[in-house]
Amino acid sequence: MQFTNLTDAELVLAYQQGQEQALSVLIARHKDAVYTSVFMLVKDKYLAEDLFQDTFLKIIKTIKEGRYCEQGKFLPWAVRVGRNLCMDHFRRMRQNVTITLPDGADIATLIGSMEMAPDGLERRQVQDSVRKLVEGLPEEQREVIVLRIYGDLSFKEISELTGVSINTALGRMRYALINLRKLIADRQLVLR
């Protein structure tokens, strides 16, 4: 059976029916977006890898137990699972000592990358520039950027996930974009 042509919902159903390869295709299809959203929230490669693995373990368990019911919305659901695991991690960290980096930044700040440039070197340069710009945003604005762009969540889903109104989520996105434009202009960056 050719799994690559199936929708996410069809892949989930095939996996539930015992076709293990369907899960491999589903993971391969969305691993970059899920990993990036986790990485941007935790700003630590090794922690992001652990949380990414935990995310897919939880996804697999949920599907196997027949509790998955997000028909047609696998990626937003997968990103929510990853985000929730990140938030659980941060809650546990708050109960412990806060970890700060040598430059004074909190380990829980946001970092990530965007794939906008066509070739390898140029793409990495753009990713690095964007990561630095997003890093400079206030936490609430970074979170909305991550959930909207990488998680492909609607503003309604973002508002429910973050516990704020839709207008607040929209406002945070608006201010994030204003701040990013200002940072790009101030630094005279060209992101192409």
C-alpha atoms as a PDB file:
ATOM      1  CA  MET A   1       0.000   0.000   0.000  1.00  0.00           C
ATOM      2  CA  GLN A   2       1.268   3.492  -0.885  1.00  0.00           C
ATOM      3  CA  PHE A   3       1.016   5.422   2.396  1.00  0.00           C
ATOM      4  CA  THR A   4       2.575   8.697   1.225  1.00  0.00           C
ATOM      5  CA  ASN A   5      -0.568   9.651  -0.697  1.00  0.00           C
ATOM      6  CA  LEU A   6      -2.868   9.181   2.304  1.00  0.00           C
ATOM      7  CA  THR A   7      -4.187  12.022   4.441  1.00  0.00           C
ATOM      8  CA  ASP A   8      -3.193  12.280   8.091  1.00  0.00           C
ATOM      9  CA  ALA A   9      -6.583  10.911   9.157  1.00  0.00           C
ATOM     10  CA  GLU A  10      -6.178   7.939   6.797  1.00  0.00           C
ATOM     11  CA  LEU A  11      -2.684   7.278   8.138  1.00  0.00           C
ATOM     12  CA  VAL A  12      -3.961   7.320  11.725  1.00  0.00           C
ATOM     13  CA  LEU A  13      -6.722   4.882  10.787  1.00  0.00           C
ATOM     14  CA  ALA A  14      -4.251   2.600   8.965  1.00  0.00           C
ATOM     15  CA  TYR A  15      -1.966   2.628  12.018  1.00  0.00           C
ATOM     16  CA  GLN A  16      -4.892   1.823  14.313  1.00  0.00           C
ATOM     17  CA  GLN A  17      -5.617  -1.141  12.033  1.00  0.00           C
ATOM     18  CA  GLY A  18      -2.092  -2.487  12.571  1.00  0.00           C
ATOM     19  CA  GLN A  19      -0.171  -1.051   9.632  1.00  0.00           C
ATOM     20  CA  GLU A  20       2.965   0.186  11.372  1.00  0.00           C
ATOM     21  CA  GLN A  21       4.402   1.851   8.245  1.00  0.00           C
ATOM     22  CA  ALA A  22       1.533   4.362   8.323  1.00  0.00           C
ATOM     23  CA  LEU A  23       2.914   5.754  11.586  1.00  0.00           C
ATOM     24  CA  SER A  24       6.385   6.124  10.052  1.00  0.00           C
ATOM     25  CA  VAL A  25       4.946   8.166   7.191  1.00  0.00           C
ATOM     26  CA  LEU A  26       2.917  10.319   9.608  1.00  0.00           C
ATOM     27  CA  ILE A  27       5.970  11.023  11.782  1.00  0.00           C
ATOM     28  CA  ALA A  28       8.196  11.756   8.776  1.00  0.00           C
ATOM     29  CA  ARG A  29       5.574  14.136   7.410  1.00  0.00           C
ATOM     30  CA  HIS A  30       5.355  16.253  10.575  1.00  0.00           C
ATOM     31  CA  LYS A  31       8.551  15.694  12.554  1.00  0.00           C
ATOM     32  CA  ASP A  32      10.225  18.936  11.450  1.00  0.00           C
ATOM     33  CA  ALA A  33       7.292  21.150  12.419  1.00  0.00           C
ATOM     34  CA  VAL A  34       6.783  19.415  15.773  1.00  0.00           C
ATOM     35  CA  TYR A  35      10.490  19.435  16.632  1.00  0.00           C
ATOM     36  CA  THR A  36      10.872  23.097  15.653  1.00  0.00           C
ATOM     37  CA  SER A  37       7.903  24.146  17.788  1.00  0.00           C
ATOM     38  CA  VAL A  38       9.332  22.266  20.785  1.00  0.00           C
ATOM     39  CA  PHE A  39      12.844  23.599  20.202  1.00  0.00           C
ATOM     40  CA  MET A  40      11.624  27.174  19.932  1.00  0.00           C
ATOM     41  CA  LEU A  41       9.923  26.870  23.299  1.00  0.00           C
ATOM     42  CA  VAL A  42      12.800  25.262  25.226  1.00  0.00           C
ATOM     43  CA  LYS A  43      15.879  26.737  23.473  1.00  0.00           C
ATOM     44  CA  ASP A  44      17.957  23.669  24.247  1.00  0.00           C
ATOM     45  CA  LYS A  45      18.798  21.082  21.598  1.00  0.00           C
ATOM     46  CA  TYR A  46      19.066  18.097  23.936  1.00  0.00           C
ATOM     47  CA  LEU A  47      15.972  18.966  25.932  1.00  0.00           C
ATOM     48  CA  ALA A  48      14.074  19.560  22.689  1.00  0.00           C
ATOM     49  CA  GLU A  49      15.104  16.122  21.425  1.00  0.00           C
ATOM     50  CA  ASP A  50      13.886  14.498  24.657  1.00  0.00           C
ATOM     51  CA  LEU A  51      10.596  16.376  24.610  1.00  0.00           C
ATOM     52  CA  PHE A  52      10.168  15.658  20.899  1.00  0.00           C
ATOM     53  CA  GLN A  53      10.545  11.922  21.570  1.00  0.00           C
ATOM     54  CA  ASP A  54       8.149  12.165  24.512  1.00  0.00           C
ATOM     55  CA  THR A  55       5.693  13.979  22.258  1.00  0.00           C
ATOM     56  CA  PHE A  56       5.611  11.184  19.710  1.00  0.00           C
ATOM     57  CA  LEU A  57       5.498   8.522  22.421  1.00  0.00           C
ATOM     58  CA  LYS A  58       2.423  10.227  23.841  1.00  0.00           C
ATOM     59  CA  ILE A  59       0.919  10.564  20.361  1.00  0.00           C
ATOM     60  CA  ILE A  60       1.508   6.864  19.660  1.00  0.00           C
ATOM     61  CA  LYS A  61       0.004   5.852  23.001  1.00  0.00           C
ATOM     62  CA  THR A  62      -3.041   8.068  22.442  1.00  0.00           C
ATOM     63  CA  ILE A  63      -3.627   6.647  18.966  1.00  0.00           C
ATOM     64  CA  LYS A  64      -3.094   3.031  20.110  1.00  0.00           C
ATOM     65  CA  GLU A  65      -5.568   3.494  22.951  1.00  0.00           C
ATOM     66  CA  GLY A  66      -8.133   4.810  20.471  1.00  0.00           C
ATOM     67  CA  ARG A  67      -8.334   8.221  22.166  1.00  0.00           C
ATOM     68  CA  TYR A  68      -7.238  10.273  19.147  1.00  0.00           C
ATOM     69  CA  CYS A  69     -10.210  12.232  17.822  1.00  0.00           C
ATOM     70  CA  GLU A  70      -8.713  15.281  16.087  1.00  0.00           C
ATOM     71  CA  GLN A  71      -9.838  14.232  12.617  1.00  0.00           C
ATOM     72  CA  GLY A  72      -8.102  16.264   9.928  1.00  0.00           C
ATOM     73  CA  LYS A  73      -6.069  18.290  12.426  1.00  0.00           C
ATOM     74  CA  PHE A  74      -3.137  16.019  13.243  1.00  0.00           C
ATOM     75  CA  LEU A  75      -0.363  18.640  13.056  1.00  0.00           C
ATOM     76  CA  PRO A  76      -2.036  21.237  15.306  1.00  0.00           C
ATOM     77  CA  TRP A  77      -2.862  18.458  17.769  1.00  0.00           C
ATOM     78  CA  ALA A  78       0.718  17.104  17.677  1.00  0.00           C
ATOM     79  CA  VAL A  79       2.113  20.594  18.288  1.00  0.00           C
ATOM     80  CA  ARG A  80      -0.310  21.034  21.215  1.00  0.00           C
ATOM     81  CA  VAL A  81       0.902  17.749  22.707  1.00  0.00           C
ATOM     82  CA  GLY A  82       4.507  18.964  22.381  1.00  0.00           C
ATOM     83  CA  ARG A  83       3.694  22.387  23.789  1.00  0.00           C
ATOM     84  CA  ASN A  84       1.886  20.843  26.755  1.00  0.00           C
ATOM     85  CA  LEU A  85       4.894  18.647  27.498  1.00  0.00           C
ATOM     86  CA  CYS A  86       7.105  21.756  27.332  1.00  0.00           C
ATOM     87  CA  MET A  87       4.801  23.574  29.741  1.00  0.00           C
ATOM     88  CA  ASP A  88       4.862  20.559  32.090  1.00  0.00           C
ATOM     89  CA  HIS A  89       8.654  20.660  31.950  1.00  0.00           C
ATOM     90  CA  PHE A  90       8.692  24.395  32.740  1.00  0.00           C
ATOM     91  CA  ARG A  91       6.318  23.855  35.687  1.00  0.00           C
ATOM     92  CA  ARG A  92       8.660  21.203  37.077  1.00  0.00           C
ATOM     93  CA  MET A  93      11.611  23.549  36.511  1.00  0.00           C
ATOM     94  CA  ARG A  94       9.871  26.359  38.400  1.00  0.00           C
ATOM     95  CA  GLN A  95       9.566  24.039  41.359  1.00  0.00           C
ATOM     96  CA  ASN A  96      13.328  23.601  41.176  1.00  0.00           C
ATOM     97  CA  VAL A  97      15.980  26.264  40.827  1.00  0.00           C
ATOM     98  CA  THR A  98      15.695  28.588  37.808  1.00  0.00           C
ATOM     99  CA  ILE A  99      18.534  27.950  35.377  1.00  0.00           C
ATOM    100  CA  THR A 100      20.068  30.970  33.716  1.00  0.00           C
ATOM    101  CA  LEU A 101      22.685  31.046  31.000  1.00  0.00           C
ATOM    102  CA  PRO A 102      25.958  32.966  31.398  1.00  0.00           C
ATOM    103  CA  ASP A 103      24.472  35.959  29.563  1.00  0.00           C
ATOM    104  CA  GLY A 104      21.601  36.101  32.088  1.00  0.00           C
ATOM    105  CA  ALA A 105      18.945  34.646  29.783  1.00  0.00           C
ATOM    106  CA  ASP A 106      16.481  32.121  31.149  1.00  0.00           C
ATOM    107  CA  ILE A 107      16.943  28.622  29.674  1.00  0.00           C
ATOM    108  CA  ALA A 108      13.202  28.552  28.885  1.00  0.00           C
ATOM    109  CA  THR A 109      13.339  31.385  26.369  1.00  0.00           C
ATOM    110  CA  LEU A 110      12.442  30.843  22.784  1.00  0.00           C
ATOM    111  CA  ILE A 111      14.720  30.075  19.873  1.00  0.00           C
ATOM    112  CA  GLY A 112      14.123  28.451  16.513  1.00  0.00           C
ATOM    113  CA  SER A 113      14.458  28.648  12.820  1.00  0.00           C
ATOM    114  CA  MET A 114      12.395  29.258   9.724  1.00  0.00           C
ATOM    115  CA  GLU A 115      12.926  27.723   6.324  1.00  0.00           C
ATOM    116  CA  MET A 116      12.621  30.680   4.014  1.00  0.00           C
ATOM    117  CA  ALA A 117      15.794  30.664   1.944  1.00  0.00           C
ATOM    118  CA  PRO A 118      16.256  28.334  -1.031  1.00  0.00           C
ATOM    119  CA  ASP A 119      19.796  26.989  -0.527  1.00  0.00           C
ATOM    120  CA  GLY A 120      21.670  25.510   2.439  1.00  0.00           C
ATOM    121  CA  LEU A 121      24.079  28.274   3.465  1.00  0.00           C
ATOM    122  CA  GLU A 122      21.651  31.075   2.774  1.00  0.00           C
ATOM    123  CA  ARG A 123      18.880  29.183   4.591  1.00  0.00           C
ATOM    124  CA  ARG A 124      21.069  28.723   7.676  1.00  0.00           C
ATOM    125  CA  GLN A 125      21.932  32.433   7.654  1.00  0.00           C
ATOM    126  CA  VAL A 126      18.258  33.379   7.421  1.00  0.00           C
ATOM    127  CA  GLN A 127      17.373  30.849  10.133  1.00  0.00           C
ATOM    128  CA  ASP A 128      20.035  32.288  12.417  1.00  0.00           C
ATOM    129  CA  SER A 129      18.834  35.851  11.778  1.00  0.00           C
ATOM    130  CA  VAL A 130      15.198  34.953  12.377  1.00  0.00           C
ATOM    131  CA  ARG A 131      16.072  32.965  15.500  1.00  0.00           C
ATOM    132  CA  LYS A 132      17.875  35.984  16.942  1.00  0.00           C
ATOM    133  CA  LEU A 133      14.965  38.268  16.082  1.00  0.00           C
ATOM    134  CA  VAL A 134      12.335  35.980  17.589  1.00  0.00           C
ATOM    135  CA  GLU A 135      14.554  35.510  20.635  1.00  0.00           C
ATOM    136  CA  GLY A 136      14.239  39.227  21.333  1.00  0.00           C
ATOM    137  CA  LEU A 137      10.437  39.181  21.524  1.00  0.00           C
ATOM    138  CA  PRO A 138       8.542  39.116  24.827  1.00  0.00           C
ATOM    139  CA  GLU A 139       7.566  35.575  25.905  1.00  0.00           C
ATOM    140  CA  GLU A 140       3.846  35.914  25.102  1.00  0.00           C
ATOM    141  CA  GLN A 141       4.614  37.152  21.590  1.00  0.00           C
ATOM    142  CA  ARG A 142       7.181  34.382  20.967  1.00  0.00           C
ATOM    143  CA  GLU A 143       4.663  31.768  22.050  1.00  0.00           C
ATOM    144  CA  VAL A 144       1.982  33.012  19.646  1.00  0.00           C
ATOM    145  CA  ILE A 145       4.518  33.122  16.783  1.00  0.00           C
ATOM    146  CA  VAL A 146       5.590  29.521  17.497  1.00  0.00           C
ATOM    147  CA  LEU A 147       2.072  28.164  17.812  1.00  0.00           C
ATOM    148  CA  ARG A 148       0.741  30.000  14.757  1.00  0.00           C
ATOM    149  CA  ILE A 149       3.633  29.579  12.331  1.00  0.00           C
ATOM    150  CA  TYR A 150       5.129  26.245  13.368  1.00  0.00           C
ATOM    151  CA  GLY A 151       2.088  24.638  14.893  1.00  0.00           C
ATOM    152  CA  ASP A 152      -0.333  25.902  12.283  1.00  0.00           C
ATOM    153  CA  LEU A 153      -2.853  26.529  15.057  1.00  0.00           C
ATOM    154  CA  SER A 154      -5.773  28.872  14.562  1.00  0.00           C
ATOM    155  CA  PHE A 155      -6.075  31.889  16.830  1.00  0.00           C
ATOM    156  CA  LYS A 156      -9.027  30.189  18.497  1.00  0.00           C
ATOM    157  CA  GLU A 157      -6.843  27.158  19.266  1.00  0.00           C
ATOM    158  CA  ILE A 158      -4.020  29.418  20.478  1.00  0.00           C
ATOM    159  CA  SER A 159      -6.408  31.296  22.774  1.00  0.00           C
ATOM    160  CA  GLU A 160      -7.719  28.042  24.249  1.00  0.00           C
ATOM    161  CA  LEU A 161      -4.224  26.601  24.655  1.00  0.00           C
ATOM    162  CA  THR A 162      -2.761  29.697  26.299  1.00  0.00           C
ATOM    163  CA  GLY A 163      -5.837  30.608  28.342  1.00  0.00           C
ATOM    164  CA  VAL A 164      -6.376  34.060  26.816  1.00  0.00           C
ATOM    165  CA  SER A 165      -9.089  35.552  24.630  1.00  0.00           C
ATOM    166  CA  ILE A 166      -8.866  35.386  20.840  1.00  0.00           C
ATOM    167  CA  ASN A 167      -8.426  39.172  20.782  1.00  0.00           C
ATOM    168  CA  THR A 168      -5.472  38.890  23.166  1.00  0.00           C
ATOM    169  CA  ALA A 169      -3.872  36.187  20.989  1.00  0.00           C
ATOM    170  CA  LEU A 170      -4.422  38.346  17.893  1.00  0.00           C
ATOM    171  CA  GLY A 171      -3.004  41.357  19.694  1.00  0.00           C
ATOM    172  CA  ARG A 172       0.091  39.437  20.727  1.00  0.00           C
ATOM    173  CA  MET A 173       0.629  38.336  17.137  1.00  0.00           C
ATOM    174  CA  ARG A 174       0.133  41.895  15.902  1.00  0.00           C
ATOM    175  CA  TYR A 175       2.680  43.268  18.369  1.00  0.00           C
ATOM    176  CA  ALA A 176       5.096  40.421  17.587  1.00  0.00           C
ATOM    177  CA  LEU A 177       4.951  41.264  13.872  1.00  0.00           C
ATOM    178  CA  ILE A 178       5.346  44.993  14.570  1.00  0.00           C
ATOM    179  CA  ASN A 179       8.347  44.260  16.784  1.00  0.00           C
ATOM    180  CA  LEU A 180       9.895  41.908  14.222  1.00  0.00           C
ATOM    181  CA  ARG A 181       9.486  44.496  11.450  1.00  0.00           C
ATOM    182  CA  LYS A 182      11.090  47.128  13.677  1.00  0.00           C
ATOM    183  CA  LEU A 183      14.003  44.819  14.518  1.00  0.00           C
ATOM    184  CA  ILE A 184      14.509  43.993  10.831  1.00  0.00           C
ATOM    185  CA  ALA A 185      14.496  47.692   9.913  1.00  0.00           C
ATOM    186  CA  ASP A 186      16.780  48.660  12.814  1.00  0.00           C
ATOM    187  CA  ARG A 187      19.322  46.016  11.842  1.00  0.00           C
ATOM    188  CA  GLN A 188      18.811  46.601   8.116  1.00  0.00           C
ATOM    189  CA  LEU A 189      18.339  42.886   7.506  1.00  0.00           C
ATOM    190  CA  VAL A 190      17.246  41.347   4.234  1.00  0.00           C
ATOM    191  CA  LEU A 191      15.452  38.027   4.750  1.00  0.00           C
ATOM    192  CA  ARG A 192      15.156  36.320   1.377  1.00  0.00           C
END
